[in-house]
Amino acid sequence: MDTILRKGSLAMLVVGMMLGVAATTDGEQAIQSQAAHVMVTPGEFAWANGPASLPAGAQAAVIEGDPKQPGLFTMRLKLPANYRIPPHWHPADEHVTVIAGTFNMGMGDQFDEANGKTLPTGSFVVMPATMHHFAWTREETIVQLHGMGPWQINYLNPTDDPRSAS
């Protein structure tokens, strides 16, 4: 009987987790909790094309919340090798954790790798609101962004903004 109860509880947990996966309007998948917590493994992330505000090639997986709306969010970005994000800033603080690979970041108005810092797996950064910064990779890298939405990226040079290319 105890085994049956455990199996039933496990089945209810799995169904509950499946029901907690909600599609957002632009094809991103958000894994959101119907209860008080979120538990997700890397194999459960639904990777989609990254936000239009990032250069082509990035992939995103929203873990909780909605980066487009006010409120707390967590998302991961998978960036290909030799990826560059030109100098920009965000209107809210941004917390960045390097999950896999090596992420490189620098501060300032000009993209200058000599003024950057190499951040290996496990590194953590808090980027205060309006801090001008840039980033790049040399290998595929996954970072986790955590902050208050709506998440926005504002490029210092308007011609760097991929949204202006269309």
Foldseek 3Di string as FASTA:
>chain_A
DVVVVVVVVVVVVVVQQVVQWDADDPGAIEREHPDDDFDDDPVPFDWDWDDLQAPGAKIKGWHYDDLADFFKTKMKIWHAAFGKFFKKFKQAKKKKAWAAAKKKKAFDQGDDSVRIDIHHHGDMDIHGGPTIMMITHRHTTMMMIITTHNTDIGRPDVVSGSVVVD
